Amino acid sequence: MSALHWLNSEAFTAFDQHVMWSDMIGNLLGLAALALGWRRAMLTWPVQLLSGVVLVAAFWSAHLGGGVGKQFVVITVAFWGWYQWRRGRTGSGRVDVRFATWRERAVLVAATGLGTVAVASLFLAPGFLPDRATELALEAGAVAVSEPLGAHPEVARTVLARYAVGAVELVPV
């Protein structure tokens, strides 16, 4: 039995839900990376990378492209963090950790907003992605699937209003 086949086999069943080894191991590694991060341990980064790789296997086998994409982001951020951590070491072996500046936070909020609008447009506009999502939903047993919302002005106003509320909450007045 290959490692990938074993990772995608069932570990146990709880509440009529099948829990796969890859899901369980990947999420436990993610929690371990979180605990290591709290302690500011260098081991945080390789554990987070391993968690991402295991969860890519889990999502890939379940044909969940969004989950795979998210884990690639996690892996990229873990590589970046590890690189920054190693680069930022002082003579004592410690790393100076700081909070993001207000400018950095504003850039992150703007990037998050732009990314949300970009991804939302994939789901709201007619075309390949909604057609494929409809097809997969029906194959999975959905009784009904609605059409994409499209470029209706009310949808645009709602998305922008929610983004504005989130941005205002992050910036002190």
N, C-alpha and C. Protein backbone atom coordinates (compact mmCIF):
# COMPACT_ATOMS: atom_id res chain seq x y z
N MET A 1 0.85 -1.18 0.00
CA MET A 1 0.00 0.00 0.00
C MET A 1 0.90 1.24 0.00
N SER A 2 0.65 2.16 -0.93
CA SER A 2 1.46 3.37 -1.01
C SER A 2 1.10 4.31 0.13
N ALA A 3 2.03 5.22 0.43
CA ALA A 3 1.80 6.20 1.50
C ALA A 3 0.59 7.06 1.18
N LEU A 4 0.45 7.46 -0.09
CA LEU A 4 -0.68 8.31 -0.47
C LEU A 4 -2.00 7.56 -0.31
N HIS A 5 -2.01 6.29 -0.69
CA HIS A 5 -3.22 5.49 -0.54
C HIS A 5 -3.57 5.34 0.94
N TRP A 6 -2.55 5.10 1.77
CA TRP A 6 -2.79 4.97 3.21
C TRP A 6 -3.31 6.28 3.79
N LEU A 7 -2.70 7.42 3.40
CA LEU A 7 -3.14 8.71 3.92
C LEU A 7 -4.60 8.98 3.60
N ASN A 8 -5.06 8.48 2.47
CA ASN A 8 -6.44 8.74 2.05
C ASN A 8 -7.39 7.63 2.45
N SER A 9 -6.94 6.75 3.33
CA SER A 9 -7.84 5.71 3.85
C SER A 9 -8.48 6.22 5.14
N GLU A 10 -9.54 5.52 5.55
CA GLU A 10 -10.30 5.95 6.71
C GLU A 10 -9.58 5.63 8.01
N ALA A 11 -9.46 6.63 8.89
CA ALA A 11 -8.85 6.43 10.20
C ALA A 11 -9.91 5.92 11.18
N PHE A 12 -11.09 6.56 11.17
CA PHE A 12 -12.20 6.16 12.03
C PHE A 12 -13.47 6.86 11.57
N THR A 13 -14.58 6.47 12.16
CA THR A 13 -15.87 7.09 11.88
C THR A 13 -16.40 7.69 13.17
N ALA A 14 -16.88 8.93 13.09
CA ALA A 14 -17.47 9.60 14.25
C ALA A 14 -18.72 10.33 13.79
N PHE A 15 -19.82 10.07 14.44
CA PHE A 15 -21.10 10.70 14.10
C PHE A 15 -21.44 10.49 12.63
N ASP A 16 -21.23 9.28 12.16
CA ASP A 16 -21.50 8.89 10.76
C ASP A 16 -20.65 9.64 9.75
N GLN A 17 -19.55 10.24 10.19
CA GLN A 17 -18.63 10.93 9.29
C GLN A 17 -17.33 10.15 9.24
N HIS A 18 -16.84 9.91 8.02
CA HIS A 18 -15.60 9.17 7.84
C HIS A 18 -14.42 10.15 7.93
N VAL A 19 -13.52 9.90 8.85
CA VAL A 19 -12.35 10.76 9.04
C VAL A 19 -11.15 10.05 8.42
N MET A 20 -10.54 10.73 7.46
CA MET A 20 -9.39 10.17 6.76
C MET A 20 -8.11 10.48 7.52
N TRP A 21 -7.12 9.59 7.35
CA TRP A 21 -5.83 9.81 8.00
C TRP A 21 -5.23 11.15 7.59
N SER A 22 -5.34 11.48 6.31
CA SER A 22 -4.73 12.73 5.83
C SER A 22 -5.36 13.94 6.50
N ASP A 23 -6.68 13.94 6.67
CA ASP A 23 -7.35 15.05 7.35
C ASP A 23 -6.89 15.14 8.80
N MET A 24 -6.88 14.01 9.48
CA MET A 24 -6.54 14.00 10.89
C MET A 24 -5.08 14.39 11.11
N ILE A 25 -4.17 13.79 10.37
CA ILE A 25 -2.75 14.08 10.54
C ILE A 25 -2.43 15.52 10.13
N GLY A 26 -2.98 15.96 8.99
CA GLY A 26 -2.72 17.32 8.52
C GLY A 26 -3.20 18.37 9.51
N ASN A 27 -4.38 18.18 10.06
CA ASN A 27 -4.91 19.16 11.02
C ASN A 27 -4.18 19.09 12.36
N LEU A 28 -3.79 17.90 12.80
CA LEU A 28 -3.01 17.81 14.03
C LEU A 28 -1.64 18.47 13.86
N LEU A 29 -1.03 18.29 12.70
CA LEU A 29 0.24 18.98 12.43
C LEU A 29 0.05 20.49 12.41
N GLY A 30 -1.07 20.95 11.83
CA GLY A 30 -1.37 22.38 11.83
C GLY A 30 -1.51 22.93 13.24
N LEU A 31 -2.19 22.17 14.12
CA LEU A 31 -2.32 22.59 15.52
C LEU A 31 -0.96 22.60 16.21
N ALA A 32 -0.12 21.60 15.90
CA ALA A 32 1.22 21.56 16.48
C ALA A 32 2.03 22.77 16.02
N ALA A 33 1.91 23.13 14.74
CA ALA A 33 2.62 24.31 14.23
C ALA A 33 2.14 25.57 14.94
N LEU A 34 0.85 25.65 15.22
CA LEU A 34 0.31 26.79 15.95
C LEU A 34 0.92 26.88 17.35
N ALA A 35 0.97 25.75 18.05
CA ALA A 35 1.55 25.72 19.39
C ALA A 35 3.03 26.08 19.35
N LEU A 36 3.75 25.56 18.35
CA LEU A 36 5.17 25.90 18.21
C LEU A 36 5.35 27.38 17.90
N GLY A 37 4.44 27.93 17.10
CA GLY A 37 4.50 29.36 16.79
C GLY A 37 4.31 30.22 18.01
N TRP A 38 3.42 29.81 18.90
CA TRP A 38 3.23 30.54 20.15
C TRP A 38 4.51 30.58 20.96
N ARG A 39 5.28 29.50 20.86
CA ARG A 39 6.54 29.41 21.61
C ARG A 39 7.70 30.02 20.82
N ARG A 40 7.41 30.50 19.62
CA ARG A 40 8.41 31.10 18.73
C ARG A 40 9.55 30.12 18.43
N ALA A 41 9.17 28.87 18.18
CA ALA A 41 10.15 27.83 17.90
C ALA A 41 10.42 27.75 16.40
N MET A 42 11.67 27.54 16.03
CA MET A 42 12.06 27.41 14.63
C MET A 42 11.37 26.22 13.97
N LEU A 43 11.02 25.20 14.75
CA LEU A 43 10.38 24.01 14.22
C LEU A 43 8.98 24.29 13.68
N THR A 44 8.44 25.46 13.98
CA THR A 44 7.12 25.84 13.48
C THR A 44 7.02 25.66 11.97
N TRP A 45 8.03 26.15 11.25
CA TRP A 45 7.94 26.23 9.79
C TRP A 45 7.96 24.86 9.12
N PRO A 46 8.87 23.96 9.45
CA PRO A 46 8.82 22.65 8.79
C PRO A 46 7.55 21.87 9.15
N VAL A 47 7.06 22.03 10.37
CA VAL A 47 5.82 21.34 10.75
C VAL A 47 4.65 21.89 9.94
N GLN A 48 4.60 23.22 9.75
CA GLN A 48 3.53 23.82 8.95
C GLN A 48 3.63 23.38 7.50
N LEU A 49 4.86 23.29 6.97
CA LEU A 49 5.04 22.80 5.59
C LEU A 49 4.53 21.37 5.45
N LEU A 50 4.88 20.50 6.39
CA LEU A 50 4.43 19.12 6.35
C LEU A 50 2.90 19.04 6.44
N SER A 51 2.32 19.86 7.30
CA SER A 51 0.86 19.92 7.41
C SER A 51 0.24 20.29 6.07
N GLY A 52 0.79 21.29 5.41
CA GLY A 52 0.27 21.71 4.11
C GLY A 52 0.36 20.62 3.08
N VAL A 53 1.48 19.92 3.04
CA VAL A 53 1.66 18.84 2.05
C VAL A 53 0.66 17.71 2.30
N VAL A 54 0.48 17.33 3.56
CA VAL A 54 -0.46 16.27 3.89
C VAL A 54 -1.89 16.69 3.52
N LEU A 55 -2.25 17.94 3.81
CA LEU A 55 -3.60 18.40 3.49
C LEU A 55 -3.81 18.58 1.98
N VAL A 56 -2.74 18.89 1.23
CA VAL A 56 -2.87 18.91 -0.24
C VAL A 56 -3.28 17.52 -0.71
N ALA A 57 -2.65 16.48 -0.16
CA ALA A 57 -3.01 15.11 -0.54
C ALA A 57 -4.47 14.82 -0.20
N ALA A 58 -4.92 15.29 0.96
CA ALA A 58 -6.31 15.06 1.37
C ALA A 58 -7.29 15.74 0.42
N PHE A 59 -7.05 17.02 0.14
CA PHE A 59 -7.97 17.77 -0.70
C PHE A 59 -7.90 17.30 -2.15
N TRP A 60 -6.71 16.94 -2.61
CA TRP A 60 -6.55 16.48 -3.99
C TRP A 60 -7.34 15.20 -4.22
N SER A 61 -7.26 14.28 -3.27
CA SER A 61 -7.96 13.01 -3.43
C SER A 61 -9.48 13.20 -3.39
N ALA A 62 -9.93 14.25 -2.70
CA ALA A 62 -11.37 14.52 -2.62
C ALA A 62 -11.83 15.45 -3.74
N HIS A 63 -10.92 15.80 -4.66
CA HIS A 63 -11.22 16.69 -5.78
C HIS A 63 -11.73 18.05 -5.31
N LEU A 64 -11.08 18.58 -4.27
CA LEU A 64 -11.44 19.89 -3.71
C LEU A 64 -10.34 20.89 -4.08
N GLY A 65 -10.46 21.43 -5.28
CA GLY A 65 -9.45 22.35 -5.79
C GLY A 65 -9.24 23.57 -4.93
N GLY A 66 -10.30 24.09 -4.32
CA GLY A 66 -10.16 25.26 -3.46
C GLY A 66 -9.31 24.96 -2.24
N GLY A 67 -9.49 23.77 -1.66
CA GLY A 67 -8.68 23.37 -0.52
C GLY A 67 -7.22 23.19 -0.89
N VAL A 68 -6.99 22.62 -2.08
CA VAL A 68 -5.61 22.46 -2.56
C VAL A 68 -4.98 23.83 -2.74
N GLY A 69 -5.70 24.76 -3.35
CA GLY A 69 -5.19 26.11 -3.56
C GLY A 69 -4.87 26.80 -2.24
N LYS A 70 -5.75 26.63 -1.26
CA LYS A 70 -5.52 27.24 0.05
C LYS A 70 -4.26 26.67 0.69
N GLN A 71 -4.06 25.38 0.56
CA GLN A 71 -2.86 24.77 1.15
C GLN A 71 -1.59 25.21 0.43
N PHE A 72 -1.68 25.47 -0.87
CA PHE A 72 -0.52 26.01 -1.57
C PHE A 72 -0.18 27.41 -1.04
N VAL A 73 -1.20 28.18 -0.69
CA VAL A 73 -0.95 29.48 -0.06
C VAL A 73 -0.29 29.28 1.30
N VAL A 74 -0.79 28.33 2.09
CA VAL A 74 -0.21 28.04 3.41
C VAL A 74 1.25 27.61 3.26
N ILE A 75 1.53 26.75 2.29
CA ILE A 75 2.90 26.28 2.06
C ILE A 75 3.79 27.45 1.66
N THR A 76 3.31 28.30 0.77
CA THR A 76 4.08 29.46 0.34
C THR A 76 4.38 30.38 1.51
N VAL A 77 3.38 30.65 2.34
CA VAL A 77 3.58 31.52 3.50
C VAL A 77 4.54 30.87 4.50
N ALA A 78 4.47 29.54 4.65
CA ALA A 78 5.39 28.86 5.56
C ALA A 78 6.83 28.98 5.05
N PHE A 79 7.04 28.81 3.74
CA PHE A 79 8.38 28.99 3.18
C PHE A 79 8.87 30.42 3.42
N TRP A 80 7.99 31.38 3.15
CA TRP A 80 8.34 32.79 3.34
C TRP A 80 8.68 33.07 4.80
N GLY A 81 7.85 32.56 5.72
CA GLY A 81 8.08 32.77 7.14
C GLY A 81 9.39 32.15 7.60
N TRP A 82 9.66 30.96 7.12
CA TRP A 82 10.90 30.28 7.49
C TRP A 82 12.10 31.07 6.99
N TYR A 83 12.00 31.54 5.75
CA TYR A 83 13.08 32.34 5.18
C TYR A 83 13.29 33.63 5.99
N GLN A 84 12.20 34.33 6.29
CA GLN A 84 12.29 35.56 7.06
C GLN A 84 12.84 35.30 8.46
N TRP A 85 12.44 34.21 9.05
CA TRP A 85 12.88 33.87 10.40
C TRP A 85 14.39 33.63 10.41
N ARG A 86 14.85 32.84 9.44
CA ARG A 86 16.28 32.55 9.37
C ARG A 86 17.09 33.82 9.06
N ARG A 87 16.53 34.67 8.21
CA ARG A 87 17.21 35.90 7.84
C ARG A 87 17.26 36.90 8.99
N GLY A 88 16.24 36.88 9.85
CA GLY A 88 16.13 37.88 10.91
C GLY A 88 16.82 37.51 12.20
N ARG A 89 17.47 36.38 12.24
CA ARG A 89 18.14 35.96 13.48
C ARG A 89 19.24 36.94 13.87
N THR A 90 19.33 37.18 15.15
CA THR A 90 20.42 38.01 15.67
C THR A 90 21.51 37.09 16.19
N GLY A 91 22.57 37.66 16.73
CA GLY A 91 23.68 36.87 17.25
C GLY A 91 23.26 35.91 18.36
N SER A 92 22.21 36.24 19.10
CA SER A 92 21.76 35.40 20.21
C SER A 92 20.94 34.20 19.73
N GLY A 93 20.60 34.17 18.44
CA GLY A 93 19.78 33.07 17.94
C GLY A 93 18.30 33.34 18.04
N ARG A 94 17.92 34.47 18.63
CA ARG A 94 16.50 34.84 18.77
C ARG A 94 16.08 35.71 17.59
N VAL A 95 14.81 35.72 17.36
CA VAL A 95 14.25 36.53 16.29
C VAL A 95 13.39 37.60 16.92
N ASP A 96 13.54 38.81 16.47
CA ASP A 96 12.69 39.90 16.95
C ASP A 96 11.36 39.82 16.21
N VAL A 97 10.30 39.56 16.95
CA VAL A 97 8.96 39.45 16.37
C VAL A 97 8.23 40.75 16.66
N ARG A 98 7.54 41.28 15.68
CA ARG A 98 6.81 42.53 15.86
C ARG A 98 5.45 42.43 15.19
N PHE A 99 4.56 43.30 15.58
CA PHE A 99 3.27 43.39 14.93
C PHE A 99 3.42 44.18 13.63
N ALA A 100 2.52 43.97 12.71
CA ALA A 100 2.53 44.71 11.45
C ALA A 100 2.27 46.19 11.73
N THR A 101 2.90 47.05 10.93
CA THR A 101 2.63 48.49 11.05
C THR A 101 1.25 48.77 10.48
N TRP A 102 0.73 49.97 10.74
CA TRP A 102 -0.59 50.33 10.21
C TRP A 102 -0.56 50.33 8.68
N ARG A 103 0.55 50.75 8.10
CA ARG A 103 0.66 50.74 6.63
C ARG A 103 0.62 49.31 6.10
N GLU A 104 1.35 48.40 6.75
CA GLU A 104 1.34 47.00 6.34
C GLU A 104 -0.06 46.40 6.49
N ARG A 105 -0.75 46.76 7.54
CA ARG A 105 -2.11 46.27 7.75
C ARG A 105 -3.05 46.78 6.67
N ALA A 106 -2.88 48.06 6.29
CA ALA A 106 -3.72 48.62 5.23
C ALA A 106 -3.48 47.89 3.91
N VAL A 107 -2.22 47.59 3.61
CA VAL A 107 -1.90 46.86 2.38
C VAL A 107 -2.54 45.47 2.43
N LEU A 108 -2.47 44.80 3.59
CA LEU A 108 -3.08 43.48 3.72
C LEU A 108 -4.59 43.53 3.55
N VAL A 109 -5.23 44.54 4.13
CA VAL A 109 -6.68 44.69 3.99
C VAL A 109 -7.04 44.93 2.52
N ALA A 110 -6.28 45.80 1.85
CA ALA A 110 -6.55 46.07 0.43
C ALA A 110 -6.35 44.83 -0.42
N ALA A 111 -5.28 44.09 -0.16
CA ALA A 111 -5.01 42.87 -0.93
C ALA A 111 -6.10 41.82 -0.68
N THR A 112 -6.56 41.73 0.56
CA THR A 112 -7.63 40.80 0.88
C THR A 112 -8.91 41.18 0.15
N GLY A 113 -9.22 42.48 0.13
CA GLY A 113 -10.40 42.95 -0.59
C GLY A 113 -10.32 42.67 -2.08
N LEU A 114 -9.17 42.96 -2.67
CA LEU A 114 -9.00 42.70 -4.11
C LEU A 114 -9.09 41.21 -4.41
N GLY A 115 -8.48 40.40 -3.56
CA GLY A 115 -8.54 38.95 -3.76
C GLY A 115 -9.96 38.43 -3.63
N THR A 116 -10.70 38.98 -2.67
CA THR A 116 -12.09 38.57 -2.48
C THR A 116 -12.94 38.92 -3.70
N VAL A 117 -12.76 40.13 -4.21
CA VAL A 117 -13.51 40.55 -5.40
C VAL A 117 -13.13 39.68 -6.59
N ALA A 118 -11.84 39.37 -6.73
CA ALA A 118 -11.41 38.53 -7.86
C ALA A 118 -12.01 37.13 -7.78
N VAL A 119 -11.98 36.53 -6.60
CA VAL A 119 -12.53 35.18 -6.45
C VAL A 119 -14.05 35.21 -6.55
N ALA A 120 -14.68 36.22 -5.95
CA ALA A 120 -16.13 36.32 -6.02
C ALA A 120 -16.60 36.45 -7.47
N SER A 121 -15.83 37.18 -8.28
CA SER A 121 -16.23 37.34 -9.67
C SER A 121 -16.22 36.00 -10.42
N LEU A 122 -15.34 35.09 -10.01
CA LEU A 122 -15.34 33.76 -10.63
C LEU A 122 -16.64 33.01 -10.34
N PHE A 123 -17.16 33.19 -9.11
CA PHE A 123 -18.36 32.48 -8.72
C PHE A 123 -19.64 33.18 -9.15
N LEU A 124 -19.57 34.48 -9.35
CA LEU A 124 -20.78 35.23 -9.68
C LEU A 124 -21.05 35.30 -11.17
N ALA A 125 -20.03 35.20 -11.99
CA ALA A 125 -20.19 35.35 -13.43
C ALA A 125 -20.49 34.00 -14.07
N PRO A 126 -21.28 34.01 -15.14
CA PRO A 126 -21.52 32.75 -15.85
C PRO A 126 -20.23 32.29 -16.54
N GLY A 127 -20.11 31.00 -16.74
CA GLY A 127 -18.93 30.47 -17.42
C GLY A 127 -18.51 29.14 -16.87
N PHE A 128 -17.24 28.78 -17.09
CA PHE A 128 -16.75 27.45 -16.76
C PHE A 128 -16.90 27.09 -15.30
N LEU A 129 -16.46 27.95 -14.37
CA LEU A 129 -16.48 27.59 -12.96
C LEU A 129 -17.89 27.32 -12.43
N PRO A 130 -18.86 28.21 -12.65
CA PRO A 130 -20.21 27.90 -12.17
C PRO A 130 -20.81 26.67 -12.87
N ASP A 131 -20.50 26.49 -14.16
CA ASP A 131 -21.01 25.32 -14.87
C ASP A 131 -20.45 24.04 -14.26
N ARG A 132 -19.15 24.06 -13.96
CA ARG A 132 -18.50 22.89 -13.35
C ARG A 132 -19.04 22.66 -11.94
N ALA A 133 -19.23 23.74 -11.18
CA ALA A 133 -19.77 23.61 -9.82
C ALA A 133 -21.18 23.01 -9.86
N THR A 134 -22.00 23.44 -10.81
CA THR A 134 -23.35 22.89 -10.96
C THR A 134 -23.28 21.41 -11.29
N GLU A 135 -22.41 21.07 -12.21
CA GLU A 135 -22.25 19.67 -12.62
C GLU A 135 -21.83 18.80 -11.42
N LEU A 136 -20.85 19.26 -10.67
CA LEU A 136 -20.37 18.49 -9.51
C LEU A 136 -21.44 18.39 -8.43
N ALA A 137 -22.18 19.47 -8.20
CA ALA A 137 -23.23 19.45 -7.18
C ALA A 137 -24.31 18.44 -7.55
N LEU A 138 -24.70 18.41 -8.82
CA LEU A 138 -25.72 17.46 -9.26
C LEU A 138 -25.21 16.03 -9.18
N GLU A 139 -23.93 15.83 -9.52
CA GLU A 139 -23.34 14.49 -9.40
C GLU A 139 -23.30 14.04 -7.95
N ALA A 140 -23.11 14.99 -7.04
CA ALA A 140 -23.04 14.67 -5.61
C ALA A 140 -24.41 14.44 -5.00
N GLY A 141 -25.48 14.67 -5.77
CA GLY A 141 -26.82 14.40 -5.28
C GLY A 141 -27.65 15.62 -4.95
N ALA A 142 -27.20 16.81 -5.35
CA ALA A 142 -27.99 18.01 -5.09
C ALA A 142 -29.31 17.92 -5.85
N VAL A 143 -30.38 18.34 -5.20
CA VAL A 143 -31.70 18.31 -5.83
C VAL A 143 -31.86 19.50 -6.77
N ALA A 144 -31.35 20.65 -6.36
CA ALA A 144 -31.45 21.87 -7.16
C ALA A 144 -30.20 22.70 -6.98
N VAL A 145 -29.82 23.39 -8.05
CA VAL A 145 -28.66 24.28 -8.00
C VAL A 145 -29.08 25.59 -8.68
N SER A 146 -28.83 26.71 -8.00
CA SER A 146 -29.24 27.99 -8.56
C SER A 146 -28.24 28.47 -9.60
N GLU A 147 -28.67 29.38 -10.42
CA GLU A 147 -27.80 30.01 -11.42
C GLU A 147 -26.86 30.99 -10.72
N PRO A 148 -25.72 31.34 -11.35
CA PRO A 148 -24.86 32.38 -10.76
C PRO A 148 -25.62 33.68 -10.60
N LEU A 149 -25.25 34.45 -9.59
CA LEU A 149 -25.94 35.70 -9.32
C LEU A 149 -25.72 36.74 -10.40
N GLY A 150 -24.58 36.65 -11.08
CA GLY A 150 -24.30 37.58 -12.17
C GLY A 150 -23.85 38.94 -11.68
N ALA A 151 -23.83 39.88 -12.59
CA ALA A 151 -23.31 41.22 -12.30
C ALA A 151 -24.42 42.17 -11.90
N HIS A 152 -25.33 41.70 -11.08
CA HIS A 152 -26.43 42.54 -10.63
C HIS A 152 -25.87 43.63 -9.72
N PRO A 153 -26.32 44.88 -9.88
CA PRO A 153 -25.79 45.99 -9.06
C PRO A 153 -25.94 45.75 -7.55
N GLU A 154 -26.99 45.07 -7.14
CA GLU A 154 -27.20 44.83 -5.71
C GLU A 154 -26.12 43.90 -5.15
N VAL A 155 -25.69 42.93 -5.95
CA VAL A 155 -24.61 42.03 -5.52
C VAL A 155 -23.33 42.84 -5.33
N ALA A 156 -23.02 43.71 -6.28
CA ALA A 156 -21.81 44.54 -6.18
C ALA A 156 -21.88 45.44 -4.95
N ARG A 157 -23.04 46.06 -4.71
CA ARG A 157 -23.18 46.93 -3.53
C ARG A 157 -23.00 46.13 -2.23
N THR A 158 -23.56 44.93 -2.17
CA THR A 158 -23.46 44.10 -0.97
C THR A 158 -22.01 43.70 -0.70
N VAL A 159 -21.31 43.26 -1.74
CA VAL A 159 -19.90 42.85 -1.57
C VAL A 159 -19.07 44.05 -1.12
N LEU A 160 -19.24 45.19 -1.76
CA LEU A 160 -18.47 46.38 -1.39
C LEU A 160 -18.82 46.87 0.01
N ALA A 161 -20.07 46.79 0.40
CA ALA A 161 -20.48 47.24 1.73
C ALA A 161 -19.86 46.35 2.81
N ARG A 162 -19.85 45.05 2.57
CA ARG A 162 -19.24 44.14 3.57
C ARG A 162 -17.75 44.38 3.67
N TYR A 163 -17.11 44.64 2.55
CA TYR A 163 -15.68 44.92 2.56
C TYR A 163 -15.41 46.23 3.31
N ALA A 164 -16.22 47.24 3.08
CA ALA A 164 -16.04 48.53 3.74
C ALA A 164 -16.19 48.39 5.25
N VAL A 165 -17.17 47.62 5.70
CA VAL A 165 -17.37 47.41 7.14
C VAL A 165 -16.15 46.72 7.73
N GLY A 166 -15.64 45.69 7.06
CA GLY A 166 -14.46 44.99 7.55
C GLY A 166 -13.24 45.89 7.59
N ALA A 167 -13.07 46.72 6.58
CA ALA A 167 -11.90 47.62 6.54
C ALA A 167 -11.98 48.66 7.64
N VAL A 168 -13.17 49.19 7.92
CA VAL A 168 -13.35 50.21 8.95
C VAL A 168 -13.04 49.63 10.32
N GLU A 169 -13.42 48.35 10.55
CA GLU A 169 -13.17 47.72 11.84
C GLU A 169 -11.69 47.55 12.11
N LEU A 170 -10.87 47.44 11.07
CA LEU A 170 -9.43 47.23 11.25
C LEU A 170 -8.65 48.52 11.47
N VAL A 171 -9.19 49.64 11.02
CA VAL A 171 -8.47 50.91 11.10
C VAL A 171 -9.04 51.73 12.25
N PRO A 172 -8.21 52.09 13.23
CA PRO A 172 -8.73 52.87 14.37
C PRO A 172 -9.05 54.30 13.92
N VAL A 173 -10.11 54.81 14.50
CA VAL A 173 -10.53 56.16 14.16
C VAL A 173 -10.18 57.12 15.28
